[in-house]
């Protein structure tokens, strides 16, 4: 295992906004407008996070007309997201204890 790369991936995924975006993209491709509207986040903020995750190889994008749509491009990230979702009964109490939002 390359611990440097693993730590970098977890650091990227560890940001609450990026984690929300990744969970939202887990099941299907979404266009930028759908992402920021559905997650009630500022468009500029969402765009910055999407670009960062694309540059790191976590996401990829495709143009659909005038829209840019993003999708997960990394099966390891999908595995981590599935693990987090399956572990929410453990993660949520820890997050609540530490004053964090639920997954």
PDB file of N, CA and C in Angstrom:
ATOM      1  N   UNK A   1       0.849  -1.184   0.000  1.00  0.00           N
ATOM      2  CA  UNK A   1       0.000   0.000   0.000  1.00  0.00           C
ATOM      3  C   UNK A   1       0.888   1.238   0.000  1.00  0.00           C
ATOM      4  N   UNK A   2       0.525   2.188  -0.812  1.00  0.00           N
ATOM      5  CA  UNK A   2       1.214   3.479  -0.839  1.00  0.00           C
ATOM      6  C   UNK A   2       0.483   4.408   0.135  1.00  0.00           C
ATOM      7  N   UNK A   3       1.051   4.572   1.315  1.00  0.00           N
ATOM      8  CA  UNK A   3       0.392   5.342   2.368  1.00  0.00           C
ATOM      9  C   UNK A   3       0.250   6.818   2.015  1.00  0.00           C
ATOM     10  N   UNK A   4       1.196   7.357   1.264  1.00  0.00           N
ATOM     11  CA  UNK A   4       1.105   8.765   0.853  1.00  0.00           C
ATOM     12  C   UNK A   4      -0.120   8.985  -0.033  1.00  0.00           C
ATOM     13  N   UNK A   5      -0.297   8.121  -1.022  1.00  0.00           N
ATOM     14  CA  UNK A   5      -1.450   8.257  -1.924  1.00  0.00           C
ATOM     15  C   UNK A   5      -2.762   8.001  -1.198  1.00  0.00           C
ATOM     16  N   UNK A   6      -2.766   7.006  -0.304  1.00  0.00           N
ATOM     17  CA  UNK A   6      -3.982   6.716   0.464  1.00  0.00           C
ATOM     18  C   UNK A   6      -4.358   7.906   1.338  1.00  0.00           C
ATOM     19  N   UNK A   7      -3.363   8.504   1.986  1.00  0.00           N
ATOM     20  CA  UNK A   7      -3.625   9.668   2.842  1.00  0.00           C
ATOM     21  C   UNK A   7      -4.129  10.845   2.015  1.00  0.00           C
ATOM     22  N   UNK A   8      -3.568  11.045   0.831  1.00  0.00           N
ATOM     23  CA  UNK A   8      -4.005  12.137  -0.047  1.00  0.00           C
ATOM     24  C   UNK A   8      -5.458  11.928  -0.476  1.00  0.00           C
ATOM     25  N   UNK A   9      -5.808  10.703  -0.844  1.00  0.00           N
ATOM     26  CA  UNK A   9      -7.182  10.401  -1.240  1.00  0.00           C
ATOM     27  C   UNK A   9      -8.144  10.652  -0.083  1.00  0.00           C
ATOM     28  N   UNK A  10      -7.791  10.179   1.109  1.00  0.00           N
ATOM     29  CA  UNK A  10      -8.664  10.376   2.268  1.00  0.00           C
ATOM     30  C   UNK A  10      -8.767  11.847   2.651  1.00  0.00           C
ATOM     31  N   UNK A  11      -7.694  12.590   2.447  1.00  0.00           N
ATOM     32  CA  UNK A  11      -7.719  14.032   2.717  1.00  0.00           C
ATOM     33  C   UNK A  11      -8.711  14.724   1.779  1.00  0.00           C
ATOM     34  N   UNK A  12      -8.659  14.368   0.515  1.00  0.00           N
ATOM     35  CA  UNK A  12      -9.579  14.959  -0.460  1.00  0.00           C
ATOM     36  C   UNK A  12     -11.019  14.587  -0.115  1.00  0.00           C
ATOM     37  N   UNK A  13     -11.243  13.325   0.196  1.00  0.00           N
ATOM     38  CA  UNK A  13     -12.597  12.863   0.516  1.00  0.00           C
ATOM     39  C   UNK A  13     -13.061  13.350   1.880  1.00  0.00           C
ATOM     40  N   UNK A  14     -12.132  13.759   2.739  1.00  0.00           N
ATOM     41  CA  UNK A  14     -12.461  14.140   4.102  1.00  0.00           C
ATOM     42  C   UNK A  14     -13.114  15.498   4.258  1.00  0.00           C
ATOM     43  N   UNK A  15     -13.139  16.289   3.212  1.00  0.00           N
ATOM     44  CA  UNK A  15     -13.797  17.598   3.279  1.00  0.00           C
ATOM     45  C   UNK A  15     -15.312  17.377   3.203  1.00  0.00           C
ATOM     46  N   UNK A  16     -16.081  17.929   4.140  1.00  0.00           N
ATOM     47  CA  UNK A  16     -17.531  17.667   4.167  1.00  0.00           C
ATOM     48  C   UNK A  16     -18.256  17.984   2.856  1.00  0.00           C
ATOM     49  N   UNK A  17     -17.912  19.091   2.212  1.00  0.00           N
ATOM     50  CA  UNK A  17     -18.584  19.444   0.954  1.00  0.00           C
ATOM     51  C   UNK A  17     -18.244  18.440  -0.129  1.00  0.00           C
ATOM     52  N   UNK A  18     -16.978  18.069  -0.228  1.00  0.00           N
ATOM     53  CA  UNK A  18     -16.588  17.094  -1.249  1.00  0.00           C
ATOM     54  C   UNK A  18     -17.237  15.741  -0.984  1.00  0.00           C
ATOM     55  N   UNK A  19     -17.326  15.357   0.270  1.00  0.00           N
ATOM     56  CA  UNK A  19     -17.962  14.082   0.603  1.00  0.00           C
ATOM     57  C   UNK A  19     -19.443  14.107   0.231  1.00  0.00           C
ATOM     58  N   UNK A  20     -20.112  15.214   0.475  1.00  0.00           N
ATOM     59  CA  UNK A  20     -21.523  15.343   0.071  1.00  0.00           C
ATOM     60  C   UNK A  20     -21.665  15.227  -1.443  1.00  0.00           C
ATOM     61  N   UNK A  21     -20.782  15.895  -2.171  1.00  0.00           N
ATOM     62  CA  UNK A  21     -20.822  15.834  -3.637  1.00  0.00           C
ATOM     63  C   UNK A  21     -20.590  14.401  -4.108  1.00  0.00           C
ATOM     64  N   UNK A  22     -19.593  13.740  -3.542  1.00  0.00           N
ATOM     65  CA  UNK A  22     -19.292  12.366  -3.943  1.00  0.00           C
ATOM     66  C   UNK A  22     -20.464  11.432  -3.664  1.00  0.00           C
ATOM     67  N   UNK A  23     -21.087  11.574  -2.503  1.00  0.00           N
ATOM     68  CA  UNK A  23     -22.252  10.734  -2.188  1.00  0.00           C
ATOM     69  C   UNK A  23     -23.383  10.998  -3.183  1.00  0.00           C
ATOM     70  N   UNK A  24     -23.540  12.260  -3.577  1.00  0.00           N
ATOM     71  CA  UNK A  24     -24.588  12.618  -4.532  1.00  0.00           C
ATOM     72  C   UNK A  24     -24.303  12.023  -5.914  1.00  0.00           C
ATOM     73  N   UNK A  25     -23.031  11.946  -6.280  1.00  0.00           N
ATOM     74  CA  UNK A  25     -22.645  11.422  -7.588  1.00  0.00           C
ATOM     75  C   UNK A  25     -22.510   9.900  -7.600  1.00  0.00           C
ATOM     76  N   UNK A  26     -22.650   9.288  -6.459  1.00  0.00           N
ATOM     77  CA  UNK A  26     -22.399   7.852  -6.327  1.00  0.00           C
ATOM     78  C   UNK A  26     -23.253   7.014  -7.270  1.00  0.00           C
ATOM     79  N   UNK A  27     -24.486   7.384  -7.450  1.00  0.00           N
ATOM     80  CA  UNK A  27     -25.403   6.541  -8.214  1.00  0.00           C
ATOM     81  C   UNK A  27     -25.498   6.887  -9.700  1.00  0.00           C
ATOM     82  N   UNK A  28     -25.230   8.140 -10.057  1.00  0.00           N
ATOM     83  CA  UNK A  28     -25.352   8.510 -11.470  1.00  0.00           C
ATOM     84  C   UNK A  28     -24.664   9.838 -11.764  1.00  0.00           C
ATOM     85  N   UNK A  29     -24.443  10.078 -13.055  1.00  0.00           N
ATOM     86  CA  UNK A  29     -23.854  11.340 -13.507  1.00  0.00           C
ATOM     87  C   UNK A  29     -24.797  12.487 -13.187  1.00  0.00           C
ATOM     88  N   UNK A  30     -24.210  13.621 -12.832  1.00  0.00           N
ATOM     89  CA  UNK A  30     -25.014  14.814 -12.555  1.00  0.00           C
ATOM     90  C   UNK A  30     -24.317  16.022 -13.164  1.00  0.00           C
ATOM     91  N   UNK A  31     -25.126  16.946 -13.665  1.00  0.00           N
ATOM     92  CA  UNK A  31     -24.586  18.193 -14.193  1.00  0.00           C
ATOM     93  C   UNK A  31     -24.376  19.177 -13.047  1.00  0.00           C
ATOM     94  N   UNK A  32     -23.454  20.108 -13.253  1.00  0.00           N
ATOM     95  CA  UNK A  32     -23.059  21.042 -12.195  1.00  0.00           C
ATOM     96  C   UNK A  32     -24.275  21.730 -11.585  1.00  0.00           C
ATOM     97  N   UNK A  33     -25.172  22.212 -12.425  1.00  0.00           N
ATOM     98  CA  UNK A  33     -26.349  22.926 -11.919  1.00  0.00           C
ATOM     99  C   UNK A  33     -27.184  22.036 -10.995  1.00  0.00           C
ATOM    100  N   UNK A  34     -27.381  20.773 -11.377  1.00  0.00           N
ATOM    101  CA  UNK A  34     -28.140  19.846 -10.530  1.00  0.00           C
ATOM    102  C   UNK A  34     -27.450  19.632  -9.189  1.00  0.00           C
ATOM    103  N   UNK A  35     -26.129  19.584  -9.213  1.00  0.00           N
ATOM    104  CA  UNK A  35     -25.377  19.333  -7.982  1.00  0.00           C
ATOM    105  C   UNK A  35     -25.562  20.482  -7.010  1.00  0.00           C
ATOM    106  N   UNK A  36     -25.287  21.706  -7.459  1.00  0.00           N
ATOM    107  CA  UNK A  36     -25.360  22.816  -6.501  1.00  0.00           C
ATOM    108  C   UNK A  36     -26.790  23.122  -6.083  1.00  0.00           C
ATOM    109  N   UNK A  37     -27.744  22.928  -6.975  1.00  0.00           N
ATOM    110  CA  UNK A  37     -29.140  23.159  -6.583  1.00  0.00           C
ATOM    111  C   UNK A  37     -29.620  22.100  -5.587  1.00  0.00           C
ATOM    112  N   UNK A  38     -29.334  20.844  -5.861  1.00  0.00           N
ATOM    113  CA  UNK A  38     -29.798  19.760  -4.987  1.00  0.00           C
ATOM    114  C   UNK A  38     -29.138  19.790  -3.619  1.00  0.00           C
ATOM    115  N   UNK A  39     -27.871  20.173  -3.572  1.00  0.00           N
ATOM    116  CA  UNK A  39     -27.150  20.208  -2.304  1.00  0.00           C
ATOM    117  C   UNK A  39     -27.240  21.565  -1.613  1.00  0.00           C
ATOM    118  N   UNK A  40     -27.901  22.525  -2.258  1.00  0.00           N
ATOM    119  CA  UNK A  40     -28.063  23.881  -1.706  1.00  0.00           C
ATOM    120  C   UNK A  40     -26.711  24.487  -1.324  1.00  0.00           C
ATOM    121  N   UNK A  41     -25.786  24.428  -2.284  1.00  0.00           N
ATOM    122  CA  UNK A  41     -24.446  24.986  -2.092  1.00  0.00           C
ATOM    123  C   UNK A  41     -24.187  26.037  -3.164  1.00  0.00           C
ATOM    124  N   UNK A  42     -23.324  27.009  -2.886  1.00  0.00           N
ATOM    125  CA  UNK A  42     -22.998  28.015  -3.896  1.00  0.00           C
ATOM    126  C   UNK A  42     -22.338  27.373  -5.125  1.00  0.00           C
ATOM    127  N   UNK A  43     -22.734  27.834  -6.300  1.00  0.00           N
ATOM    128  CA  UNK A  43     -22.216  27.272  -7.546  1.00  0.00           C
ATOM    129  C   UNK A  43     -20.696  27.347  -7.611  1.00  0.00           C
ATOM    130  N   UNK A  44     -20.123  28.478  -7.254  1.00  0.00           N
ATOM    131  CA  UNK A  44     -18.669  28.640  -7.328  1.00  0.00           C
ATOM    132  C   UNK A  44     -17.963  27.640  -6.420  1.00  0.00           C
ATOM    133  N   UNK A  45     -18.514  27.429  -5.244  1.00  0.00           N
ATOM    134  CA  UNK A  45     -17.946  26.482  -4.286  1.00  0.00           C
ATOM    135  C   UNK A  45     -17.969  25.067  -4.860  1.00  0.00           C
ATOM    136  N   UNK A  46     -19.106  24.663  -5.389  1.00  0.00           N
ATOM    137  CA  UNK A  46     -19.246  23.333  -5.976  1.00  0.00           C
ATOM    138  C   UNK A  46     -18.282  23.167  -7.144  1.00  0.00           C
ATOM    139  N   UNK A  47     -18.202  24.166  -8.003  1.00  0.00           N
ATOM    140  CA  UNK A  47     -17.318  24.084  -9.166  1.00  0.00           C
ATOM    141  C   UNK A  47     -15.862  23.900  -8.758  1.00  0.00           C
ATOM    142  N   UNK A  48     -15.424  24.614  -7.737  1.00  0.00           N
ATOM    143  CA  UNK A  48     -14.042  24.472  -7.262  1.00  0.00           C
ATOM    144  C   UNK A  48     -13.769  23.057  -6.767  1.00  0.00           C
ATOM    145  N   UNK A  49     -14.693  22.509  -6.003  1.00  0.00           N
ATOM    146  CA  UNK A  49     -14.512  21.149  -5.486  1.00  0.00           C
ATOM    147  C   UNK A  49     -14.532  20.121  -6.618  1.00  0.00           C
ATOM    148  N   UNK A  50     -15.414  20.306  -7.590  1.00  0.00           N
ATOM    149  CA  UNK A  50     -15.485  19.382  -8.720  1.00  0.00           C
ATOM    150  C   UNK A  50     -14.188  19.393  -9.518  1.00  0.00           C
ATOM    151  N   UNK A  51     -13.661  20.574  -9.778  1.00  0.00           N
ATOM    152  CA  UNK A  51     -12.413  20.689 -10.537  1.00  0.00           C
ATOM    153  C   UNK A  51     -11.265  20.025  -9.786  1.00  0.00           C
ATOM    154  N   UNK A  52     -11.183  20.261  -8.491  1.00  0.00           N
ATOM    155  CA  UNK A  52     -10.127  19.637  -7.686  1.00  0.00           C
ATOM    156  C   UNK A  52     -10.215  18.112  -7.765  1.00  0.00           C
ATOM    157  N   UNK A  53     -11.421  17.577  -7.585  1.00  0.00           N
ATOM    158  CA  UNK A  53     -11.582  16.121  -7.605  1.00  0.00           C
ATOM    159  C   UNK A  53     -11.340  15.544  -8.999  1.00  0.00           C
ATOM    160  N   UNK A  54     -11.659  16.308 -10.037  1.00  0.00           N
ATOM    161  CA  UNK A  54     -11.356  15.849 -11.393  1.00  0.00           C
ATOM    162  C   UNK A  54      -9.849  15.838 -11.616  1.00  0.00           C
ATOM    163  N   UNK A  55      -9.176  16.884 -11.177  1.00  0.00           N
ATOM    164  CA  UNK A  55      -7.721  16.953 -11.335  1.00  0.00           C
ATOM    165  C   UNK A  55      -6.997  15.844 -10.577  1.00  0.00           C
ATOM    166  N   UNK A  56      -7.598  15.361  -9.502  1.00  0.00           N
ATOM    167  CA  UNK A  56      -6.999  14.286  -8.697  1.00  0.00           C
ATOM    168  C   UNK A  56      -7.401  12.896  -9.191  1.00  0.00           C
ATOM    169  N   UNK A  57      -8.231  12.824 -10.247  1.00  0.00           N
ATOM    170  CA  UNK A  57      -8.600  11.540 -10.829  1.00  0.00           C
ATOM    171  C   UNK A  57      -9.741  10.827 -10.141  1.00  0.00           C
ATOM    172  N   UNK A  58     -10.458  11.544  -9.284  1.00  0.00           N
ATOM    173  CA  UNK A  58     -11.596  10.946  -8.583  1.00  0.00           C
ATOM    174  C   UNK A  58     -12.854  11.039  -9.438  1.00  0.00           C
ATOM    175  N   UNK A  59     -12.985  12.142 -10.152  1.00  0.00           N
ATOM    176  CA  UNK A  59     -14.135  12.385 -11.019  1.00  0.00           C
ATOM    177  C   UNK A  59     -13.668  12.564 -12.451  1.00  0.00           C
ATOM    178  N   UNK A  60     -14.597  12.402 -13.359  1.00  0.00           N
ATOM    179  CA  UNK A  60     -14.388  12.771 -14.750  1.00  0.00           C
ATOM    180  C   UNK A  60     -15.625  13.543 -15.179  1.00  0.00           C
ATOM    181  N   UNK A  61     -15.563  14.169 -16.336  1.00  0.00           N
ATOM    182  CA  UNK A  61     -16.696  14.977 -16.789  1.00  0.00           C
ATOM    183  C   UNK A  61     -16.925  14.782 -18.274  1.00  0.00           C
ATOM    184  N   UNK A  62     -18.129  15.157 -18.678  1.00  0.00           N
ATOM    185  CA  UNK A  62     -18.473  15.171 -20.093  1.00  0.00           C
ATOM    186  C   UNK A  62     -19.422  16.332 -20.334  1.00  0.00           C
ATOM    187  N   UNK A  63     -19.329  16.889 -21.506  1.00  0.00           N
ATOM    188  CA  UNK A  63     -20.197  18.006 -21.864  1.00  0.00           C
ATOM    189  C   UNK A  63     -21.479  17.460 -22.479  1.00  0.00           C
ATOM    190  N   UNK A  64     -22.604  17.988 -21.997  1.00  0.00           N
ATOM    191  CA  UNK A  64     -23.916  17.666 -22.564  1.00  0.00           C
ATOM    192  C   UNK A  64     -24.557  18.987 -22.948  1.00  0.00           C
ATOM    193  N   UNK A  65     -24.414  19.353 -24.200  1.00  0.00           N
ATOM    194  CA  UNK A  65     -24.894  20.660 -24.644  1.00  0.00           C
ATOM    195  C   UNK A  65     -24.082  21.747 -23.982  1.00  0.00           C
ATOM    196  N   UNK A  66     -24.754  22.630 -23.272  1.00  0.00           N
ATOM    197  CA  UNK A  66     -24.055  23.723 -22.590  1.00  0.00           C
ATOM    198  C   UNK A  66     -23.674  23.356 -21.155  1.00  0.00           C
ATOM    199  N   UNK A  67     -24.018  22.155 -20.727  1.00  0.00           N
ATOM    200  CA  UNK A  67     -23.769  21.731 -19.344  1.00  0.00           C
ATOM    201  C   UNK A  67     -22.557  20.805 -19.262  1.00  0.00           C
ATOM    202  N   UNK A  68     -21.888  20.846 -18.118  1.00  0.00           N
ATOM    203  CA  UNK A  68     -20.825  19.892 -17.827  1.00  0.00           C
ATOM    204  C   UNK A  68     -21.343  18.966 -16.737  1.00  0.00           C
ATOM    205  N   UNK A  69     -21.282  17.676 -17.019  1.00  0.00           N
ATOM    206  CA  UNK A  69     -21.760  16.674 -16.070  1.00  0.00           C
ATOM    207  C   UNK A  69     -20.575  15.882 -15.532  1.00  0.00           C
ATOM    208  N   UNK A  70     -20.649  15.542 -14.264  1.00  0.00           N
ATOM    209  CA  UNK A  70     -19.560  14.833 -13.592  1.00  0.00           C
ATOM    210  C   UNK A  70     -20.012  13.450 -13.170  1.00  0.00           C
ATOM    211  N   UNK A  71     -19.026  12.550 -13.070  1.00  0.00           N
ATOM    212  CA  UNK A  71     -19.288  11.189 -12.614  1.00  0.00           C
ATOM    213  C   UNK A  71     -18.048  10.631 -11.932  1.00  0.00           C
ATOM    214  N   UNK A  72     -18.280   9.661 -11.050  1.00  0.00           N
ATOM    215  CA  UNK A  72     -17.170   9.007 -10.358  1.00  0.00           C
ATOM    216  C   UNK A  72     -16.321   8.257 -11.370  1.00  0.00           C
ATOM    217  N   UNK A  73     -15.010   8.378 -11.214  1.00  0.00           N
ATOM    218  CA  UNK A  73     -14.085   7.767 -12.144  1.00  0.00           C
ATOM    219  C   UNK A  73     -13.112   6.850 -11.410  1.00  0.00           C
ATOM    220  N   UNK A  74     -13.455   6.457 -10.196  1.00  0.00           N
ATOM    221  CA  UNK A  74     -12.508   5.726  -9.370  1.00  0.00           C
ATOM    222  C   UNK A  74     -13.272   4.694  -8.542  1.00  0.00           C
ATOM    223  N   UNK A  75     -13.064   3.425  -8.856  1.00  0.00           N
ATOM    224  CA  UNK A  75     -13.805   2.367  -8.154  1.00  0.00           C
ATOM    225  C   UNK A  75     -13.414   2.269  -6.683  1.00  0.00           C
ATOM    226  N   UNK A  76     -12.202   2.701  -6.324  1.00  0.00           N
ATOM    227  CA  UNK A  76     -11.789   2.686  -4.920  1.00  0.00           C
ATOM    228  C   UNK A  76     -12.591   3.710  -4.120  1.00  0.00           C
ATOM    229  N   UNK A  77     -12.828   4.857  -4.721  1.00  0.00           N
ATOM    230  CA  UNK A  77     -13.639   5.886  -4.064  1.00  0.00           C
ATOM    231  C   UNK A  77     -15.061   5.365  -3.870  1.00  0.00           C
ATOM    232  N   UNK A  78     -15.595   4.705  -4.875  1.00  0.00           N
ATOM    233  CA  UNK A  78     -16.938   4.131  -4.754  1.00  0.00           C
ATOM    234  C   UNK A  78     -16.985   3.117  -3.611  1.00  0.00           C
ATOM    235  N   UNK A  79     -15.955   2.306  -3.477  1.00  0.00           N
ATOM    236  CA  UNK A  79     -15.898   1.332  -2.373  1.00  0.00           C
ATOM    237  C   UNK A  79     -15.887   2.031  -1.020  1.00  0.00           C
ATOM    238  N   UNK A  80     -15.126   3.115  -0.916  1.00  0.00           N
ATOM    239  CA  UNK A  80     -15.072   3.875   0.341  1.00  0.00           C
ATOM    240  C   UNK A  80     -16.433   4.489   0.645  1.00  0.00           C
ATOM    241  N   UNK A  81     -17.090   5.054  -0.372  1.00  0.00           N
ATOM    242  CA  UNK A  81     -18.416   5.646  -0.177  1.00  0.00           C
ATOM    243  C   UNK A  81     -19.429   4.590   0.261  1.00  0.00           C
ATOM    244  N   UNK A  82     -19.368   3.422  -0.358  1.00  0.00           N
ATOM    245  CA  UNK A  82     -20.274   2.337   0.032  1.00  0.00           C
ATOM    246  C   UNK A  82     -20.014   1.906   1.469  1.00  0.00           C
ATOM    247  N   UNK A  83     -18.745   1.847   1.849  1.00  0.00           N
ATOM    248  CA  UNK A  83     -18.395   1.500   3.227  1.00  0.00           C
ATOM    249  C   UNK A  83     -18.948   2.535   4.204  1.00  0.00           C
ATOM    250  N   UNK A  84     -18.775   3.812   3.885  1.00  0.00           N
ATOM    251  CA  UNK A  84     -19.283   4.870   4.761  1.00  0.00           C
ATOM    252  C   UNK A  84     -20.795   4.800   4.896  1.00  0.00           C
ATOM    253  N   UNK A  85     -21.456   4.566   3.783  1.00  0.00           N
ATOM    254  CA  UNK A  85     -22.914   4.475   3.818  1.00  0.00           C
ATOM    255  C   UNK A  85     -23.365   3.273   4.656  1.00  0.00           C
ATOM    256  N   UNK A  86     -22.685   2.145   4.497  1.00  0.00           N
ATOM    257  CA  UNK A  86     -23.025   0.950   5.270  1.00  0.00           C
ATOM    258  C   UNK A  86     -22.684   1.114   6.747  1.00  0.00           C
ATOM    259  N   UNK A  87     -21.754   2.014   7.047  1.00  0.00           N
ATOM    260  CA  UNK A  87     -21.292   2.216   8.427  1.00  0.00           C
ATOM    261  C   UNK A  87     -21.939   3.412   9.096  1.00  0.00           C
ATOM    262  N   UNK A  88     -23.001   3.949   8.523  1.00  0.00           N
ATOM    263  CA  UNK A  88     -23.567   5.188   9.062  1.00  0.00           C
ATOM    264  C   UNK A  88     -24.053   5.043  10.493  1.00  0.00           C
ATOM    265  N   UNK A  89     -24.426   3.836  10.910  1.00  0.00           N
ATOM    266  CA  UNK A  89     -24.844   3.643  12.302  1.00  0.00           C
ATOM    267  C   UNK A  89     -23.676   3.825  13.267  1.00  0.00           C
ATOM    268  N   UNK A  90     -22.470   3.642  12.772  1.00  0.00           N
ATOM    269  CA  UNK A  90     -21.268   3.871  13.579  1.00  0.00           C
ATOM    270  C   UNK A  90     -20.772   5.298  13.391  1.00  0.00           C
ATOM    271  N   UNK A  91     -20.774   5.755  12.134  1.00  0.00           N
ATOM    272  CA  UNK A  91     -20.223   7.075  11.808  1.00  0.00           C
ATOM    273  C   UNK A  91     -21.076   8.200  12.372  1.00  0.00           C
ATOM    274  N   UNK A  92     -22.398   8.115  12.253  1.00  0.00           N
ATOM    275  CA  UNK A  92     -23.262   9.215  12.687  1.00  0.00           C
ATOM    276  C   UNK A  92     -23.159   9.529  14.173  1.00  0.00           C
ATOM    277  N   UNK A  93     -23.154   8.538  15.079  1.00  0.00           N
ATOM    278  CA  UNK A  93     -22.985   8.881  16.502  1.00  0.00           C
ATOM    279  C   UNK A  93     -21.634   9.532  16.798  1.00  0.00           C
ATOM    280  N   UNK A  94     -20.594   9.089  16.112  1.00  0.00           N
ATOM    281  CA  UNK A  94     -19.273   9.701  16.297  1.00  0.00           C
ATOM    282  C   UNK A  94     -19.308  11.138  15.799  1.00  0.00           C
ATOM    283  N   UNK A  95     -19.908  11.351  14.628  1.00  0.00           N
ATOM    284  CA  UNK A  95     -20.013  12.699  14.069  1.00  0.00           C
ATOM    285  C   UNK A  95     -20.833  13.598  14.982  1.00  0.00           C
ATOM    286  N   UNK A  96     -21.933  13.078  15.496  1.00  0.00           N
ATOM    287  CA  UNK A  96     -22.793  13.870  16.384  1.00  0.00           C
ATOM    288  C   UNK A  96     -22.041  14.251  17.652  1.00  0.00           C
ATOM    289  N   UNK A  97     -21.302  13.310  18.204  1.00  0.00           N
ATOM    290  CA  UNK A  97     -20.518  13.568  19.416  1.00  0.00           C
ATOM    291  C   UNK A  97     -19.500  14.680  19.181  1.00  0.00           C
ATOM    292  N   UNK A  98     -18.971  14.735  17.955  1.00  0.00           N
ATOM    293  CA  UNK A  98     -17.964  15.732  17.614  1.00  0.00           C
ATOM    294  C   UNK A  98     -18.554  16.984  16.970  1.00  0.00           C
ATOM    295  N   UNK A  99     -19.879  17.107  16.975  1.00  0.00           N
ATOM    296  CA  UNK A  99     -20.535  18.301  16.445  1.00  0.00           C
ATOM    297  C   UNK A  99     -20.551  18.384  14.939  1.00  0.00           C
ATOM    298  N   UNK A 100     -20.465  17.251  14.253  1.00  0.00           N
ATOM    299  CA  UNK A 100     -20.453  17.234  12.795  1.00  0.00           C
ATOM    300  C   UNK A 100     -21.819  16.834  12.269  1.00  0.00           C
ATOM    301  N   UNK A 101     -22.024  17.060  10.969  1.00  0.00           N
ATOM    302  CA  UNK A 101     -23.293  16.725  10.328  1.00  0.00           C
ATOM    303  C   UNK A 101     -23.380  15.235  10.056  1.00  0.00           C
ATOM    304  N   UNK A 102     -24.602  14.765   9.920  1.00  0.00           N
ATOM    305  CA  UNK A 102     -24.836  13.359   9.577  1.00  0.00           C
ATOM    306  C   UNK A 102     -24.490  13.116   8.122  1.00  0.00           C
ATOM    307  N   UNK A 103     -24.126  11.875   7.813  1.00  0.00           N
ATOM    308  CA  UNK A 103     -23.898  11.482   6.423  1.00  0.00           C
ATOM    309  C   UNK A 103     -25.223  11.280   5.738  1.00  0.00           C
TER     310      UNK A 103
END
